[in-house]
Amino acid sequence: MDMIHVRAVSPPDLTDRTMALLGAEPCVLNLVLQPGSVRNPDGDAIECDVLTGAANEVLRGLRNLGIDRRGSLVLDPVDMAFSERAARAGAEELGPRARAPVWEQVEARLRSEGRYPPSFYLFLVIAGLIAAAGIITNSQILIVAAMVVGPEYGAVTSVALGIDRRSWTRVRRGLMALLVGFLLAIAATFLFGVVVRGFDLQPKVFELGIRPVSNLIDTPNFFSVVVAVLAGIVGIVSLTEARTSALLGVFISVTTIPAGADIGVSCAFGAREEAWGSLLQLLLNIVILILVGTGTLKCQRAIWRRVGERRHQRAGRGSAQD
């Protein structure tokens, strides 16, 4: 049974209400109170384990009390638990909600992607150069490697969260990071292409216009839209459920880094039509990923909210019949 460990620091005047809230929830287990044991912030230490399906309601209740503002809340994932009582409570109280995402954790993961240190731009430039080498040598392996290295999907999901939460500062920061990052990557790949062309290092087949990898990137079509839509859905779902293997599949399915690299390479070799096609591919993928990501977040919230409401309605009918 999945659960999280909650550590809270409660001001003394809120402790009774906090303990009452936690004690009344059957999906809260191993509840511990240590009065006056915490410093910075000063208060009472409260710890418990909460089944993930009930975590959203429990955390909402704690935040409504003001524990996060006047004290603190810390969530830790529980990797393994052996408890017959927890399994029974999950089966009886939660039903389909047992697998519900803990939205505080989901948003924390998405917010962490909204930080753009120098390494973000460095990885974007390096990924662009790897993709440029793959385009010039017609190497699909290098293109896949560049997709995996590229960090841009984190910025995309941060923008989607900003739109969902109407945090326009987050949206602006994410879009600016994408703009600056891709401009740097395009500039780096352009200089790389100029060097390759200046020293005549490009393979003969590339010079003759036989460029299957580049043609695949700079020709957006119906299938580009389909893949971007599906990748956007899978990406957000994998983040909400912490499925890293599925998220890796998203990295190697969307044509963002390769498109940015192809803009620079095409400009270096004087192929303007290919550059415009790659620019369209890049914009198409980023816009679709952001829109689909935002829509998927909203849909997931609505679906799980509906599941919770149905569960409460059934529980209410059962209590009325008793």
C-alpha atoms as a PDB file:
ATOM      1  CA  MET A   1       0.000   0.000   0.000  1.00  0.00           C
ATOM      2  CA  ASP A   2       1.437   3.384  -1.078  1.00  0.00           C
ATOM      3  CA  MET A   3       1.812   6.045   1.584  1.00  0.00           C
ATOM      4  CA  ILE A   4       3.735   9.181   2.460  1.00  0.00           C
ATOM      5  CA  HIS A   5       5.308  10.247   5.738  1.00  0.00           C
ATOM      6  CA  VAL A   6       4.226  13.681   6.960  1.00  0.00           C
ATOM      7  CA  ARG A   7       6.316  15.730   9.393  1.00  0.00           C
ATOM      8  CA  ALA A   8       4.650  18.849  10.720  1.00  0.00           C
ATOM      9  CA  VAL A   9       5.621  21.576  13.143  1.00  0.00           C
ATOM     10  CA  SER A  10       2.502  22.983  14.760  1.00  0.00           C
ATOM     11  CA  PRO A  11       2.231  26.154  16.870  1.00  0.00           C
ATOM     12  CA  PRO A  12       0.871  25.135  20.300  1.00  0.00           C
ATOM     13  CA  ASP A  13      -2.462  26.917  19.727  1.00  0.00           C
ATOM     14  CA  LEU A  14      -3.089  24.801  16.587  1.00  0.00           C
ATOM     15  CA  THR A  15      -1.916  21.449  17.925  1.00  0.00           C
ATOM     16  CA  ASP A  16      -5.263  20.273  19.332  1.00  0.00           C
ATOM     17  CA  ARG A  17      -7.081  21.016  16.090  1.00  0.00           C
ATOM     18  CA  THR A  18      -4.300  19.416  14.054  1.00  0.00           C
ATOM     19  CA  MET A  19      -4.362  16.237  16.129  1.00  0.00           C
ATOM     20  CA  ALA A  20      -8.165  16.136  15.920  1.00  0.00           C
ATOM     21  CA  LEU A  21      -8.039  16.443  12.147  1.00  0.00           C
ATOM     22  CA  LEU A  22      -5.425  13.698  11.759  1.00  0.00           C
ATOM     23  CA  GLY A  23      -6.953  11.429  14.385  1.00  0.00           C
ATOM     24  CA  ALA A  24     -10.362  11.497  12.700  1.00  0.00           C
ATOM     25  CA  GLU A  25      -8.948  10.263   9.367  1.00  0.00           C
ATOM     26  CA  PRO A  26      -8.854   6.433   9.168  1.00  0.00           C
ATOM     27  CA  CYS A  27      -6.163   6.597   6.480  1.00  0.00           C
ATOM     28  CA  VAL A  28      -3.744   8.343   8.861  1.00  0.00           C
ATOM     29  CA  LEU A  29      -1.532   5.840  10.682  1.00  0.00           C
ATOM     30  CA  ASN A  30       1.322   5.906  13.205  1.00  0.00           C
ATOM     31  CA  LEU A  31       0.347   9.319  14.554  1.00  0.00           C
ATOM     32  CA  VAL A  32       2.970  10.760  16.942  1.00  0.00           C
ATOM     33  CA  LEU A  33       2.966  13.998  18.968  1.00  0.00           C
ATOM     34  CA  GLN A  34       6.031  15.461  20.690  1.00  0.00           C
ATOM     35  CA  PRO A  35       4.999  18.697  22.463  1.00  0.00           C
ATOM     36  CA  GLY A  36       7.484  21.562  22.493  1.00  0.00           C
ATOM     37  CA  SER A  37      10.286  19.545  20.892  1.00  0.00           C
ATOM     38  CA  VAL A  38      10.966  21.700  17.816  1.00  0.00           C
ATOM     39  CA  ARG A  39      13.001  24.858  17.342  1.00  0.00           C
ATOM     40  CA  ASN A  40      13.140  27.133  14.290  1.00  0.00           C
ATOM     41  CA  PRO A  41      10.198  27.261  13.976  1.00  0.00           C
ATOM     42  CA  ASP A  42       9.266  26.651  17.585  1.00  0.00           C
ATOM     43  CA  GLY A  43       6.362  24.340  18.148  1.00  0.00           C
ATOM     44  CA  ASP A  44       5.122  20.793  18.590  1.00  0.00           C
ATOM     45  CA  ALA A  45       6.387  17.960  16.390  1.00  0.00           C
ATOM     46  CA  ILE A  46       3.682  15.880  14.738  1.00  0.00           C
ATOM     47  CA  GLU A  47       4.461  12.888  12.527  1.00  0.00           C
ATOM     48  CA  CYS A  48       2.242  10.393  10.770  1.00  0.00           C
ATOM     49  CA  ASP A  49       1.937   8.155   7.744  1.00  0.00           C
ATOM     50  CA  VAL A  50      -0.866   8.857   5.293  1.00  0.00           C
ATOM     51  CA  LEU A  51      -2.165   6.580   2.557  1.00  0.00           C
ATOM     52  CA  THR A  52      -1.579   8.403  -0.720  1.00  0.00           C
ATOM     53  CA  GLY A  53      -5.205   8.198  -1.773  1.00  0.00           C
ATOM     54  CA  ALA A  54      -6.195  10.307   1.243  1.00  0.00           C
ATOM     55  CA  ALA A  55      -3.124  12.559   1.245  1.00  0.00           C
ATOM     56  CA  ASN A  56      -4.665  15.360  -0.829  1.00  0.00           C
ATOM     57  CA  GLU A  57      -7.548  15.844   1.630  1.00  0.00           C
ATOM     58  CA  VAL A  58      -5.309  15.555   4.696  1.00  0.00           C
ATOM     59  CA  LEU A  59      -2.765  18.043   3.371  1.00  0.00           C
ATOM     60  CA  ARG A  60      -5.520  20.427   2.304  1.00  0.00           C
ATOM     61  CA  GLY A  61      -6.892  20.303   5.838  1.00  0.00           C
ATOM     62  CA  LEU A  62      -3.483  21.000   7.366  1.00  0.00           C
ATOM     63  CA  ARG A  63      -2.904  23.928   5.038  1.00  0.00           C
ATOM     64  CA  ASN A  64      -6.369  25.317   5.798  1.00  0.00           C
ATOM     65  CA  LEU A  65      -5.347  25.327   9.468  1.00  0.00           C
ATOM     66  CA  GLY A  66      -2.278  27.350   8.522  1.00  0.00           C
ATOM     67  CA  ILE A  67       0.342  24.751   9.473  1.00  0.00           C
ATOM     68  CA  ASP A  68       2.391  25.494   6.357  1.00  0.00           C
ATOM     69  CA  ARG A  69       2.375  29.260   7.084  1.00  0.00           C
ATOM     70  CA  ARG A  70       2.858  29.334  10.839  1.00  0.00           C
ATOM     71  CA  GLY A  71       4.840  26.115  11.177  1.00  0.00           C
ATOM     72  CA  SER A  72       6.099  23.747   8.510  1.00  0.00           C
ATOM     73  CA  LEU A  73       5.110  20.699   6.488  1.00  0.00           C
ATOM     74  CA  VAL A  74       7.553  18.125   5.117  1.00  0.00           C
ATOM     75  CA  LEU A  75       6.571  15.144   2.963  1.00  0.00           C
ATOM     76  CA  ASP A  76       8.705  12.048   2.550  1.00  0.00           C
ATOM     77  CA  PRO A  77       7.894   9.110   0.268  1.00  0.00           C
ATOM     78  CA  VAL A  78       7.621   5.737   1.997  1.00  0.00           C
ATOM     79  CA  ASP A  79       9.460   3.171  -0.100  1.00  0.00           C
ATOM     80  CA  MET A  80       8.096   0.105   1.689  1.00  0.00           C
ATOM     81  CA  ALA A  81       5.560  -0.532   4.439  1.00  0.00           C
ATOM     82  CA  PHE A  82       4.184  -3.693   6.037  1.00  0.00           C
ATOM     83  CA  SER A  83       0.870  -3.013   7.695  1.00  0.00           C
ATOM     84  CA  GLU A  84      -2.284  -5.093   7.567  1.00  0.00           C
ATOM     85  CA  ARG A  85      -4.211  -2.172   9.024  1.00  0.00           C
ATOM     86  CA  ALA A  86      -2.995   0.110   6.218  1.00  0.00           C
ATOM     87  CA  ALA A  87      -4.025  -2.421   3.578  1.00  0.00           C
ATOM     88  CA  ARG A  88      -7.435  -2.810   5.173  1.00  0.00           C
ATOM     89  CA  ALA A  89      -7.956   0.949   5.470  1.00  0.00           C
ATOM     90  CA  GLY A  90      -6.952   1.411   1.851  1.00  0.00           C
ATOM     91  CA  ALA A  91      -9.371  -1.226   0.622  1.00  0.00           C
ATOM     92  CA  GLU A  92     -12.284  -0.055   2.775  1.00  0.00           C
ATOM     93  CA  GLU A  93     -11.874   3.715   2.687  1.00  0.00           C
ATOM     94  CA  LEU A  94     -10.187   4.578  -0.592  1.00  0.00           C
ATOM     95  CA  GLY A  95     -11.137   2.148  -3.333  1.00  0.00           C
ATOM     96  CA  PRO A  96     -10.104   3.661  -6.712  1.00  0.00           C
ATOM     97  CA  ARG A  97      -8.572   6.677  -4.917  1.00  0.00           C
ATOM     98  CA  ALA A  98      -5.742   4.514  -3.573  1.00  0.00           C
ATOM     99  CA  ARG A  99      -3.659   5.409  -6.644  1.00  0.00           C
ATOM    100  CA  ALA A 100      -4.527   9.112  -6.702  1.00  0.00           C
ATOM    101  CA  PRO A 101      -1.514  11.410  -7.176  1.00  0.00           C
ATOM    102  CA  VAL A 102      -0.456  13.572  -4.241  1.00  0.00           C
ATOM    103  CA  TRP A 103      -0.773  16.949  -5.930  1.00  0.00           C
ATOM    104  CA  GLU A 104       1.564  18.736  -3.544  1.00  0.00           C
ATOM    105  CA  GLN A 105       4.316  16.314  -4.547  1.00  0.00           C
ATOM    106  CA  VAL A 106       3.424  16.588  -8.236  1.00  0.00           C
ATOM    107  CA  GLU A 107       3.561  20.375  -8.169  1.00  0.00           C
ATOM    108  CA  ALA A 108       6.801  20.299  -6.193  1.00  0.00           C
ATOM    109  CA  ARG A 109       8.353  18.155  -8.942  1.00  0.00           C
ATOM    110  CA  LEU A 110       7.079  20.498 -11.639  1.00  0.00           C
ATOM    111  CA  ARG A 111       8.208  23.588  -9.736  1.00  0.00           C
ATOM    112  CA  SER A 112      11.687  22.114  -9.356  1.00  0.00           C
ATOM    113  CA  GLU A 113      11.875  21.975 -13.155  1.00  0.00           C
ATOM    114  CA  GLY A 114      11.231  25.726 -13.254  1.00  0.00           C
ATOM    115  CA  ARG A 115      14.745  26.595 -12.095  1.00  0.00           C
ATOM    116  CA  TYR A 116      17.191  27.603 -14.806  1.00  0.00           C
ATOM    117  CA  PRO A 117      20.788  27.567 -13.558  1.00  0.00           C
ATOM    118  CA  PRO A 118      23.679  27.977 -16.029  1.00  0.00           C
ATOM    119  CA  SER A 119      23.763  24.192 -16.438  1.00  0.00           C
ATOM    120  CA  PHE A 120      20.299  24.342 -18.079  1.00  0.00           C
ATOM    121  CA  TYR A 121      21.672  26.446 -20.922  1.00  0.00           C
ATOM    122  CA  LEU A 122      24.905  24.446 -21.043  1.00  0.00           C
ATOM    123  CA  PHE A 123      23.030  21.164 -21.475  1.00  0.00           C
ATOM    124  CA  LEU A 124      20.818  22.744 -24.131  1.00  0.00           C
ATOM    125  CA  VAL A 125      23.866  23.909 -26.123  1.00  0.00           C
ATOM    126  CA  ILE A 126      25.630  20.551 -25.758  1.00  0.00           C
ATOM    127  CA  ALA A 127      22.485  18.693 -26.806  1.00  0.00           C
ATOM    128  CA  GLY A 128      22.227  20.994 -29.838  1.00  0.00           C
ATOM    129  CA  LEU A 129      25.839  20.266 -30.841  1.00  0.00           C
ATOM    130  CA  ILE A 130      25.302  16.516 -30.508  1.00  0.00           C
ATOM    131  CA  ALA A 131      22.192  16.825 -32.676  1.00  0.00           C
ATOM    132  CA  ALA A 132      24.126  18.920 -35.214  1.00  0.00           C
ATOM    133  CA  ALA A 133      26.744  16.180 -35.478  1.00  0.00           C
ATOM    134  CA  GLY A 134      23.949  13.651 -35.970  1.00  0.00           C
ATOM    135  CA  ILE A 135      22.336  15.757 -38.700  1.00  0.00           C
ATOM    136  CA  ILE A 136      25.564  16.227 -40.635  1.00  0.00           C
ATOM    137  CA  THR A 137      26.574  12.558 -40.350  1.00  0.00           C
ATOM    138  CA  ASN A 138      22.999  11.265 -40.818  1.00  0.00           C
ATOM    139  CA  SER A 139      23.269   9.432 -37.482  1.00  0.00           C
ATOM    140  CA  GLN A 140      19.933   8.688 -35.812  1.00  0.00           C
ATOM    141  CA  ILE A 141      21.761   7.429 -32.720  1.00  0.00           C
ATOM    142  CA  LEU A 142      23.259  10.870 -32.122  1.00  0.00           C
ATOM    143  CA  ILE A 143      19.844  12.485 -32.614  1.00  0.00           C
ATOM    144  CA  VAL A 144      18.362  10.239 -29.925  1.00  0.00           C
ATOM    145  CA  ALA A 145      21.308  10.995 -27.633  1.00  0.00           C
ATOM    146  CA  ALA A 146      20.723  14.732 -28.087  1.00  0.00           C
ATOM    147  CA  MET A 147      17.037  14.320 -27.204  1.00  0.00           C
ATOM    148  CA  VAL A 148      17.930  12.544 -23.970  1.00  0.00           C
ATOM    149  CA  VAL A 149      20.513  15.183 -22.962  1.00  0.00           C
ATOM    150  CA  GLY A 150      18.233  18.151 -23.676  1.00  0.00           C
ATOM    151  CA  PRO A 151      16.629  19.706 -20.543  1.00  0.00           C
ATOM    152  CA  GLU A 152      13.939  21.701 -22.340  1.00  0.00           C
ATOM    153  CA  TYR A 153      11.002  19.506 -21.330  1.00  0.00           C
ATOM    154  CA  GLY A 154      11.388  20.648 -17.725  1.00  0.00           C
ATOM    155  CA  ALA A 155      10.846  24.252 -18.816  1.00  0.00           C
ATOM    156  CA  VAL A 156       7.843  23.181 -20.908  1.00  0.00           C
ATOM    157  CA  THR A 157       6.166  21.469 -17.936  1.00  0.00           C
ATOM    158  CA  SER A 158       6.925  24.450 -15.701  1.00  0.00           C
ATOM    159  CA  VAL A 159       5.165  26.735 -18.186  1.00  0.00           C
ATOM    160  CA  ALA A 160       2.206  24.319 -18.293  1.00  0.00           C
ATOM    161  CA  LEU A 161       1.986  24.396 -14.486  1.00  0.00           C
ATOM    162  CA  GLY A 162       2.185  28.199 -14.551  1.00  0.00           C
ATOM    163  CA  ILE A 163      -0.745  28.392 -16.964  1.00  0.00           C
ATOM    164  CA  ASP A 164      -2.718  25.870 -14.923  1.00  0.00           C
ATOM    165  CA  ARG A 165      -2.103  27.821 -11.701  1.00  0.00           C
ATOM    166  CA  ARG A 166      -2.253  31.228 -13.434  1.00  0.00           C
ATOM    167  CA  SER A 167       1.247  32.016 -12.232  1.00  0.00           C
ATOM    168  CA  TRP A 168       2.252  34.340 -15.046  1.00  0.00           C
ATOM    169  CA  THR A 169       5.681  34.976 -13.547  1.00  0.00           C
ATOM    170  CA  ARG A 170       6.438  31.261 -13.875  1.00  0.00           C
ATOM    171  CA  VAL A 171       5.126  31.291 -17.436  1.00  0.00           C
ATOM    172  CA  ARG A 172       7.304  34.257 -18.409  1.00  0.00           C
ATOM    173  CA  ARG A 173      10.394  32.752 -16.795  1.00  0.00           C
ATOM    174  CA  GLY A 174       9.868  29.429 -18.550  1.00  0.00           C
ATOM    175  CA  LEU A 175       9.265  30.962 -21.958  1.00  0.00           C
ATOM    176  CA  MET A 176      12.270  33.258 -21.561  1.00  0.00           C
ATOM    177  CA  ALA A 177      14.466  30.303 -20.580  1.00  0.00           C
ATOM    178  CA  LEU A 178      13.301  28.396 -23.666  1.00  0.00           C
ATOM    179  CA  LEU A 179      13.878  31.413 -25.914  1.00  0.00           C
ATOM    180  CA  VAL A 180      17.360  32.183 -24.611  1.00  0.00           C
ATOM    181  CA  GLY A 181      18.346  28.530 -24.411  1.00  0.00           C
ATOM    182  CA  PHE A 182      17.333  27.712 -27.970  1.00  0.00           C
ATOM    183  CA  LEU A 183      18.904  30.908 -29.319  1.00  0.00           C
ATOM    184  CA  LEU A 184      22.190  29.874 -27.689  1.00  0.00           C
ATOM    185  CA  ALA A 185      21.853  26.347 -29.076  1.00  0.00           C
ATOM    186  CA  ILE A 186      21.060  27.633 -32.570  1.00  0.00           C
ATOM    187  CA  ALA A 187      24.012  30.021 -32.449  1.00  0.00           C
ATOM    188  CA  ALA A 188      26.344  27.232 -31.298  1.00  0.00           C
ATOM    189  CA  THR A 189      25.163  24.824 -33.995  1.00  0.00           C
ATOM    190  CA  PHE A 190      25.453  27.567 -36.622  1.00  0.00           C
ATOM    191  CA  LEU A 191      29.092  28.182 -35.668  1.00  0.00           C
ATOM    192  CA  PHE A 192      29.672  24.424 -35.628  1.00  0.00           C
ATOM    193  CA  GLY A 193      28.213  24.162 -39.124  1.00  0.00           C
ATOM    194  CA  VAL A 194      30.331  27.070 -40.356  1.00  0.00           C
ATOM    195  CA  VAL A 195      33.493  25.368 -39.057  1.00  0.00           C
ATOM    196  CA  VAL A 196      32.535  22.030 -40.623  1.00  0.00           C
ATOM    197  CA  ARG A 197      31.736  23.687 -43.945  1.00  0.00           C
ATOM    198  CA  GLY A 198      34.829  25.933 -43.834  1.00  0.00           C
ATOM    199  CA  PHE A 199      37.170  22.982 -43.369  1.00  0.00           C
ATOM    200  CA  ASP A 200      35.160  20.772 -45.743  1.00  0.00           C
ATOM    201  CA  LEU A 201      34.552  18.157 -43.039  1.00  0.00           C
ATOM    202  CA  GLN A 202      31.004  17.227 -44.021  1.00  0.00           C
ATOM    203  CA  PRO A 203      30.426  13.764 -45.524  1.00  0.00           C
ATOM    204  CA  LYS A 204      30.035  13.656 -49.291  1.00  0.00           C
ATOM    205  CA  VAL A 205      26.478  12.348 -49.112  1.00  0.00           C
ATOM    206  CA  PHE A 206      25.477  15.332 -46.969  1.00  0.00           C
ATOM    207  CA  GLU A 207      27.158  17.702 -49.431  1.00  0.00           C
ATOM    208  CA  LEU A 208      25.238  16.046 -52.280  1.00  0.00           C
ATOM    209  CA  GLY A 209      21.943  16.738 -50.484  1.00  0.00           C
ATOM    210  CA  ILE A 210      21.303  13.193 -49.268  1.00  0.00           C
ATOM    211  CA  ARG A 211      20.087  14.137 -45.800  1.00  0.00           C
ATOM    212  CA  PRO A 212      17.429  11.677 -44.542  1.00  0.00           C
ATOM    213  CA  VAL A 213      17.788  12.747 -40.897  1.00  0.00           C
ATOM    214  CA  SER A 214      17.558  16.451 -41.703  1.00  0.00           C
ATOM    215  CA  ASN A 215      14.593  15.912 -44.030  1.00  0.00           C
ATOM    216  CA  LEU A 216      12.742  14.093 -41.269  1.00  0.00           C
ATOM    217  CA  ILE A 217      13.292  17.024 -38.900  1.00  0.00           C
ATOM    218  CA  ASP A 218      12.582  19.986 -41.178  1.00  0.00           C
ATOM    219  CA  THR A 219       9.348  18.614 -42.658  1.00  0.00           C
ATOM    220  CA  PRO A 220       6.579  19.002 -40.071  1.00  0.00           C
ATOM    221  CA  ASN A 221       3.371  17.191 -40.942  1.00  0.00           C
ATOM    222  CA  PHE A 222       0.292  15.532 -39.487  1.00  0.00           C
ATOM    223  CA  PHE A 223       2.361  12.873 -37.765  1.00  0.00           C
ATOM    224  CA  SER A 224       4.498  15.526 -36.062  1.00  0.00           C
ATOM    225  CA  VAL A 225       1.338  16.896 -34.454  1.00  0.00           C
ATOM    226  CA  VAL A 226       0.122  13.441 -33.402  1.00  0.00           C
ATOM    227  CA  VAL A 227       3.453  12.531 -31.791  1.00  0.00           C
ATOM    228  CA  ALA A 228       3.691  15.885 -29.979  1.00  0.00           C
ATOM    229  CA  VAL A 229       0.144  15.538 -28.605  1.00  0.00           C
ATOM    230  CA  LEU A 230       0.707  11.975 -27.389  1.00  0.00           C
ATOM    231  CA  ALA A 231       4.107  12.881 -25.926  1.00  0.00           C
ATOM    232  CA  GLY A 232       2.563  15.823 -24.077  1.00  0.00           C
ATOM    233  CA  ILE A 233      -0.051  13.569 -22.480  1.00  0.00           C
ATOM    234  CA  VAL A 234       2.417  10.832 -21.549  1.00  0.00           C
ATOM    235  CA  GLY A 235       4.917  13.356 -20.199  1.00  0.00           C
ATOM    236  CA  ILE A 236       2.523  14.920 -17.697  1.00  0.00           C
ATOM    237  CA  VAL A 237       1.007  11.583 -16.645  1.00  0.00           C
ATOM    238  CA  SER A 238       4.474  10.115 -16.101  1.00  0.00           C
ATOM    239  CA  LEU A 239       5.422  13.109 -13.958  1.00  0.00           C
ATOM    240  CA  THR A 240       2.281  12.877 -11.846  1.00  0.00           C
ATOM    241  CA  GLU A 241       2.858   9.150 -11.298  1.00  0.00           C
ATOM    242  CA  ALA A 242       6.684   9.432 -11.078  1.00  0.00           C
ATOM    243  CA  ARG A 243       7.270   7.004 -13.956  1.00  0.00           C
ATOM    244  CA  THR A 244      10.747   7.879 -15.128  1.00  0.00           C
ATOM    245  CA  SER A 245      10.886   5.239 -17.861  1.00  0.00           C
ATOM    246  CA  ALA A 246       7.818   6.706 -19.570  1.00  0.00           C
ATOM    247  CA  LEU A 247       9.239  10.209 -19.195  1.00  0.00           C
ATOM    248  CA  LEU A 248      12.454   9.093 -20.901  1.00  0.00           C
ATOM    249  CA  GLY A 249      10.316   7.944 -23.823  1.00  0.00           C
ATOM    250  CA  VAL A 250       8.960  11.477 -24.122  1.00  0.00           C
ATOM    251  CA  PHE A 251      12.493  12.881 -24.296  1.00  0.00           C
ATOM    252  CA  ILE A 252      13.305  10.737 -27.318  1.00  0.00           C
ATOM    253  CA  SER A 253      10.029  11.289 -29.150  1.00  0.00           C
ATOM    254  CA  VAL A 254       9.646  15.055 -29.496  1.00  0.00           C
ATOM    255  CA  THR A 255      11.539  17.031 -32.118  1.00  0.00           C
ATOM    256  CA  THR A 256      12.681  20.098 -30.203  1.00  0.00           C
ATOM    257  CA  ILE A 257      16.456  19.870 -29.791  1.00  0.00           C
ATOM    258  CA  PRO A 258      16.961  18.326 -33.270  1.00  0.00           C
ATOM    259  CA  ALA A 259      14.833  21.054 -34.839  1.00  0.00           C
ATOM    260  CA  GLY A 260      16.806  23.793 -33.089  1.00  0.00           C
ATOM    261  CA  ALA A 261      20.085  22.212 -34.202  1.00  0.00           C
ATOM    262  CA  ASP A 262      18.840  21.853 -37.771  1.00  0.00           C
ATOM    263  CA  ILE A 263      18.066  25.580 -37.906  1.00  0.00           C
ATOM    264  CA  GLY A 264      21.700  26.391 -37.171  1.00  0.00           C
ATOM    265  CA  VAL A 265      23.140  23.735 -39.479  1.00  0.00           C
ATOM    266  CA  SER A 266      20.807  24.639 -42.347  1.00  0.00           C
ATOM    267  CA  CYS A 267      21.699  28.333 -42.044  1.00  0.00           C
ATOM    268  CA  ALA A 268      25.409  27.464 -42.039  1.00  0.00           C
ATOM    269  CA  PHE A 269      25.007  25.481 -45.266  1.00  0.00           C
ATOM    270  CA  GLY A 270      22.728  28.061 -46.920  1.00  0.00           C
ATOM    271  CA  ALA A 271      19.600  25.879 -46.877  1.00  0.00           C
ATOM    272  CA  ARG A 272      16.974  28.497 -46.015  1.00  0.00           C
ATOM    273  CA  GLU A 273      13.896  26.362 -46.734  1.00  0.00           C
ATOM    274  CA  GLU A 274      15.164  23.635 -44.413  1.00  0.00           C
ATOM    275  CA  ALA A 275      15.854  26.242 -41.723  1.00  0.00           C
ATOM    276  CA  TRP A 276      12.292  27.598 -41.951  1.00  0.00           C
ATOM    277  CA  GLY A 277      10.890  24.071 -41.841  1.00  0.00           C
ATOM    278  CA  SER A 278      12.911  23.291 -38.721  1.00  0.00           C
ATOM    279  CA  LEU A 279      11.789  26.532 -37.082  1.00  0.00           C
ATOM    280  CA  LEU A 280       8.165  25.584 -37.736  1.00  0.00           C
ATOM    281  CA  GLN A 281       8.817  22.110 -36.324  1.00  0.00           C
ATOM    282  CA  LEU A 282      10.372  23.575 -33.175  1.00  0.00           C
ATOM    283  CA  LEU A 283       7.543  26.050 -32.542  1.00  0.00           C
ATOM    284  CA  LEU A 284       4.917  23.411 -33.327  1.00  0.00           C
ATOM    285  CA  ASN A 285       6.339  20.959 -30.785  1.00  0.00           C
ATOM    286  CA  ILE A 286       6.827  23.483 -27.991  1.00  0.00           C
ATOM    287  CA  VAL A 287       3.367  25.039 -28.369  1.00  0.00           C
ATOM    288  CA  ILE A 288       1.623  21.653 -28.527  1.00  0.00           C
ATOM    289  CA  LEU A 289       3.570  20.297 -25.539  1.00  0.00           C
ATOM    290  CA  ILE A 290       2.634  23.320 -23.429  1.00  0.00           C
ATOM    291  CA  LEU A 291      -1.048  23.317 -24.412  1.00  0.00           C
ATOM    292  CA  VAL A 292      -1.479  19.558 -24.104  1.00  0.00           C
ATOM    293  CA  GLY A 293       0.444  19.532 -20.821  1.00  0.00           C
ATOM    294  CA  THR A 294      -1.822  22.210 -19.365  1.00  0.00           C
ATOM    295  CA  GLY A 295      -4.936  20.409 -20.556  1.00  0.00           C
ATOM    296  CA  THR A 296      -3.737  17.069 -19.190  1.00  0.00           C
ATOM    297  CA  LEU A 297      -3.062  18.587 -15.768  1.00  0.00           C
ATOM    298  CA  LYS A 298      -6.561  20.059 -15.649  1.00  0.00           C
ATOM    299  CA  CYS A 299      -8.157  16.800 -16.827  1.00  0.00           C
ATOM    300  CA  GLN A 300      -6.293  14.725 -14.260  1.00  0.00           C
ATOM    301  CA  ARG A 301      -7.343  17.031 -11.447  1.00  0.00           C
ATOM    302  CA  ALA A 302     -10.967  16.896 -12.602  1.00  0.00           C
ATOM    303  CA  ILE A 303     -10.976  13.106 -12.966  1.00  0.00           C
ATOM    304  CA  TRP A 304      -9.502  12.441  -9.522  1.00  0.00           C
ATOM    305  CA  ARG A 305     -11.766  15.065  -7.964  1.00  0.00           C
ATOM    306  CA  ARG A 306     -14.747  13.278  -9.496  1.00  0.00           C
ATOM    307  CA  VAL A 307     -13.532   9.921  -8.193  1.00  0.00           C
ATOM    308  CA  GLY A 308     -13.251  11.392  -4.700  1.00  0.00           C
ATOM    309  CA  GLU A 309     -16.729  12.925  -4.859  1.00  0.00           C
ATOM    310  CA  ARG A 310     -18.279   9.609  -5.907  1.00  0.00           C
ATOM    311  CA  ARG A 311     -16.544   7.866  -3.034  1.00  0.00           C
ATOM    312  CA  HIS A 312     -17.868  10.427  -0.546  1.00  0.00           C
ATOM    313  CA  GLN A 313     -21.388  10.124  -1.970  1.00  0.00           C
ATOM    314  CA  ARG A 314     -21.340   6.349  -1.578  1.00  0.00           C
ATOM    315  CA  ALA A 315     -19.994   6.653   1.947  1.00  0.00           C
ATOM    316  CA  GLY A 316     -22.746   9.152   2.795  1.00  0.00           C
ATOM    317  CA  ARG A 317     -25.460   6.866   1.465  1.00  0.00           C
ATOM    318  CA  GLY A 318     -24.004   3.974   3.463  1.00  0.00           C
ATOM    319  CA  SER A 319     -24.036   6.016   6.681  1.00  0.00           C
ATOM    320  CA  ALA A 320     -27.629   7.145   6.051  1.00  0.00           C
ATOM    321  CA  GLN A 321     -28.788   3.544   5.581  1.00  0.00           C
ATOM    322  CA  ASP A 322     -27.106   2.528   8.840  1.00  0.00           C
END
